[in-house]
Amino acid sequence: MVEDDRLADSADGVQTDPELVSVVVEDEDAPDRCTIYHPESSGVDRMSRWITTETDLLVDLDSVR
C-alpha cells in the first residue's frame, strides 16, 4: 500500500501538503542546526524522512519572492 503524503481538506476536497515541524538545536561550539520533519512520523519513518541544515543557511521566504 502506498500512502499519499497529502491531506484532503474536508471543506473543499482539495489536496494540500502536510504541515511540518522544525526544531532548532543551539550549539556554542558549532553552527545552530534546524531539523524539519512531519509531526505524525515516528520510529523508522521519522529517521528516514527529515532534513537538517545550519540555521544561517535558511532565508525568509518573503525576502526571496
N, C-alpha and C. Protein backbone atom coordinates (compact mmCIF):
# COMPACT_ATOMS: atom_id res chain seq x y z
N MET A 1 0.84 -1.18 0.00
CA MET A 1 0.00 0.00 0.00
C MET A 1 0.88 1.24 0.00
N VAL A 2 0.59 2.19 -0.89
CA VAL A 2 1.33 3.44 -0.95
C VAL A 2 0.51 4.50 -0.26
N GLU A 3 1.14 5.20 0.66
CA GLU A 3 0.43 6.27 1.37
C GLU A 3 0.64 7.59 0.65
N ASP A 4 -0.41 8.40 0.56
CA ASP A 4 -0.33 9.73 -0.02
C ASP A 4 0.00 10.70 1.09
N ASP A 5 1.12 11.46 0.94
CA ASP A 5 1.53 12.39 1.98
C ASP A 5 0.69 13.66 2.00
N ARG A 6 -0.18 13.82 1.03
CA ARG A 6 -1.04 14.99 1.02
C ARG A 6 -2.30 14.71 1.82
N LEU A 7 -2.88 15.75 2.39
CA LEU A 7 -4.09 15.62 3.19
C LEU A 7 -5.26 16.28 2.46
N ALA A 8 -6.41 15.64 2.49
CA ALA A 8 -7.59 16.23 1.86
C ALA A 8 -8.21 17.24 2.81
N ASP A 9 -8.44 18.44 2.31
CA ASP A 9 -9.12 19.48 3.09
C ASP A 9 -10.59 19.11 3.12
N SER A 10 -11.14 18.91 4.31
CA SER A 10 -12.52 18.45 4.43
C SER A 10 -13.53 19.47 3.92
N ALA A 11 -13.17 20.74 3.85
CA ALA A 11 -14.11 21.77 3.40
C ALA A 11 -14.35 21.72 1.90
N ASP A 12 -13.28 21.51 1.10
CA ASP A 12 -13.46 21.56 -0.34
C ASP A 12 -12.84 20.38 -1.10
N GLY A 13 -12.29 19.40 -0.40
CA GLY A 13 -11.72 18.23 -1.05
C GLY A 13 -10.39 18.47 -1.74
N VAL A 14 -9.81 19.65 -1.60
CA VAL A 14 -8.53 19.97 -2.23
C VAL A 14 -7.40 19.29 -1.48
N GLN A 15 -6.47 18.68 -2.24
CA GLN A 15 -5.31 18.06 -1.63
C GLN A 15 -4.31 19.13 -1.23
N THR A 16 -3.83 19.08 0.00
CA THR A 16 -2.85 20.05 0.48
C THR A 16 -1.65 19.31 1.04
N ASP A 17 -0.50 19.95 1.04
CA ASP A 17 0.69 19.37 1.63
C ASP A 17 0.57 19.41 3.14
N PRO A 18 1.13 18.41 3.83
CA PRO A 18 1.05 18.39 5.30
C PRO A 18 1.90 19.48 5.93
N GLU A 19 1.50 19.90 7.12
CA GLU A 19 2.30 20.82 7.90
C GLU A 19 3.57 20.12 8.35
N LEU A 20 4.63 20.88 8.54
CA LEU A 20 5.89 20.32 9.01
C LEU A 20 6.28 20.96 10.33
N VAL A 21 7.13 20.29 11.07
CA VAL A 21 7.62 20.77 12.36
C VAL A 21 9.11 21.04 12.21
N SER A 22 9.59 22.11 12.87
CA SER A 22 11.03 22.37 12.86
C SER A 22 11.52 22.48 14.30
N VAL A 23 12.72 21.97 14.52
CA VAL A 23 13.37 22.02 15.82
C VAL A 23 14.77 22.57 15.62
N VAL A 24 15.13 23.59 16.40
CA VAL A 24 16.46 24.18 16.31
C VAL A 24 17.27 23.73 17.52
N VAL A 25 18.48 23.23 17.25
CA VAL A 25 19.40 22.85 18.31
C VAL A 25 20.54 23.85 18.30
N GLU A 26 20.69 24.56 19.42
CA GLU A 26 21.75 25.56 19.54
C GLU A 26 23.01 24.91 20.09
N ASP A 27 24.15 25.32 19.55
CA ASP A 27 25.43 24.76 19.95
C ASP A 27 26.45 25.89 20.06
N GLU A 28 27.10 26.00 21.20
CA GLU A 28 28.09 27.08 21.39
C GLU A 28 29.33 26.89 20.54
N ASP A 29 29.67 25.63 20.22
CA ASP A 29 30.91 25.34 19.50
C ASP A 29 30.72 25.06 18.02
N ALA A 30 29.49 25.11 17.54
CA ALA A 30 29.20 24.82 16.14
C ALA A 30 27.97 25.62 15.72
N PRO A 31 27.73 25.71 14.42
CA PRO A 31 26.53 26.44 13.96
C PRO A 31 25.25 25.77 14.49
N ASP A 32 24.24 26.60 14.79
CA ASP A 32 22.94 26.07 15.19
C ASP A 32 22.37 25.27 14.01
N ARG A 33 21.61 24.21 14.32
CA ARG A 33 21.07 23.33 13.29
C ARG A 33 19.54 23.26 13.42
N CYS A 34 18.88 23.26 12.29
CA CYS A 34 17.42 23.17 12.24
C CYS A 34 17.04 21.87 11.53
N THR A 35 16.20 21.07 12.18
CA THR A 35 15.70 19.82 11.58
C THR A 35 14.21 19.97 11.32
N ILE A 36 13.78 19.57 10.13
CA ILE A 36 12.39 19.69 9.71
C ILE A 36 11.85 18.29 9.42
N TYR A 37 10.66 17.99 9.96
CA TYR A 37 10.07 16.66 9.76
C TYR A 37 8.55 16.75 9.88
N HIS A 38 7.87 15.69 9.46
CA HIS A 38 6.42 15.63 9.55
C HIS A 38 6.05 15.27 10.99
N PRO A 39 5.11 15.98 11.61
CA PRO A 39 4.80 15.76 13.02
C PRO A 39 4.18 14.40 13.34
N GLU A 40 3.58 13.75 12.37
CA GLU A 40 2.93 12.46 12.63
C GLU A 40 3.86 11.28 12.38
N SER A 41 5.10 11.56 11.95
CA SER A 41 6.03 10.46 11.71
C SER A 41 6.65 10.02 13.03
N SER A 42 7.07 8.78 13.07
CA SER A 42 7.73 8.25 14.26
C SER A 42 8.61 7.08 13.87
N GLY A 43 9.45 6.66 14.78
CA GLY A 43 10.29 5.50 14.56
C GLY A 43 11.14 5.59 13.31
N VAL A 44 11.15 4.50 12.54
CA VAL A 44 11.97 4.42 11.32
C VAL A 44 11.53 5.46 10.31
N ASP A 45 10.22 5.70 10.20
CA ASP A 45 9.72 6.69 9.26
C ASP A 45 10.32 8.06 9.55
N ARG A 46 10.35 8.48 10.80
CA ARG A 46 10.93 9.78 11.15
C ARG A 46 12.43 9.80 10.88
N MET A 47 13.11 8.70 11.13
CA MET A 47 14.55 8.66 10.90
C MET A 47 14.92 8.73 9.43
N SER A 48 14.00 8.37 8.55
CA SER A 48 14.31 8.35 7.12
C SER A 48 13.67 9.49 6.33
N ARG A 49 12.83 10.30 6.97
CA ARG A 49 12.12 11.36 6.24
C ARG A 49 12.26 12.70 6.97
N TRP A 50 13.46 13.25 6.95
CA TRP A 50 13.74 14.51 7.63
C TRP A 50 14.83 15.23 6.86
N ILE A 51 15.03 16.49 7.18
CA ILE A 51 16.13 17.27 6.58
C ILE A 51 16.68 18.18 7.67
N THR A 52 17.99 18.33 7.70
CA THR A 52 18.66 19.19 8.68
C THR A 52 19.60 20.14 7.94
N THR A 53 19.67 21.38 8.41
CA THR A 53 20.59 22.36 7.85
C THR A 53 21.05 23.31 8.94
N GLU A 54 22.10 24.02 8.65
CA GLU A 54 22.56 25.06 9.57
C GLU A 54 21.60 26.24 9.45
N THR A 55 21.23 26.83 10.57
CA THR A 55 20.22 27.89 10.55
C THR A 55 20.66 29.13 9.79
N ASP A 56 21.97 29.40 9.73
CA ASP A 56 22.40 30.59 8.99
C ASP A 56 22.30 30.42 7.48
N LEU A 57 21.95 29.23 7.01
CA LEU A 57 21.74 28.99 5.58
C LEU A 57 20.28 29.16 5.17
N LEU A 58 19.39 29.30 6.14
CA LEU A 58 17.97 29.49 5.86
C LEU A 58 17.68 30.95 5.55
N VAL A 59 16.70 31.18 4.67
CA VAL A 59 16.28 32.54 4.34
C VAL A 59 14.78 32.69 4.57
N ASP A 60 14.35 33.90 4.82
CA ASP A 60 12.95 34.20 4.98
C ASP A 60 12.26 34.12 3.62
N LEU A 61 11.19 33.35 3.52
CA LEU A 61 10.51 33.15 2.26
C LEU A 61 10.09 34.47 1.60
N ASP A 62 9.56 35.41 2.38
CA ASP A 62 9.13 36.68 1.81
C ASP A 62 10.28 37.49 1.22
N SER A 63 11.50 37.28 1.71
CA SER A 63 12.64 38.05 1.21
C SER A 63 13.13 37.58 -0.15
N VAL A 64 12.71 36.41 -0.58
CA VAL A 64 13.17 35.89 -1.88
C VAL A 64 12.07 35.79 -2.91
N ARG A 65 10.91 36.29 -2.59
CA ARG A 65 9.80 36.27 -3.55
C ARG A 65 9.87 37.45 -4.47
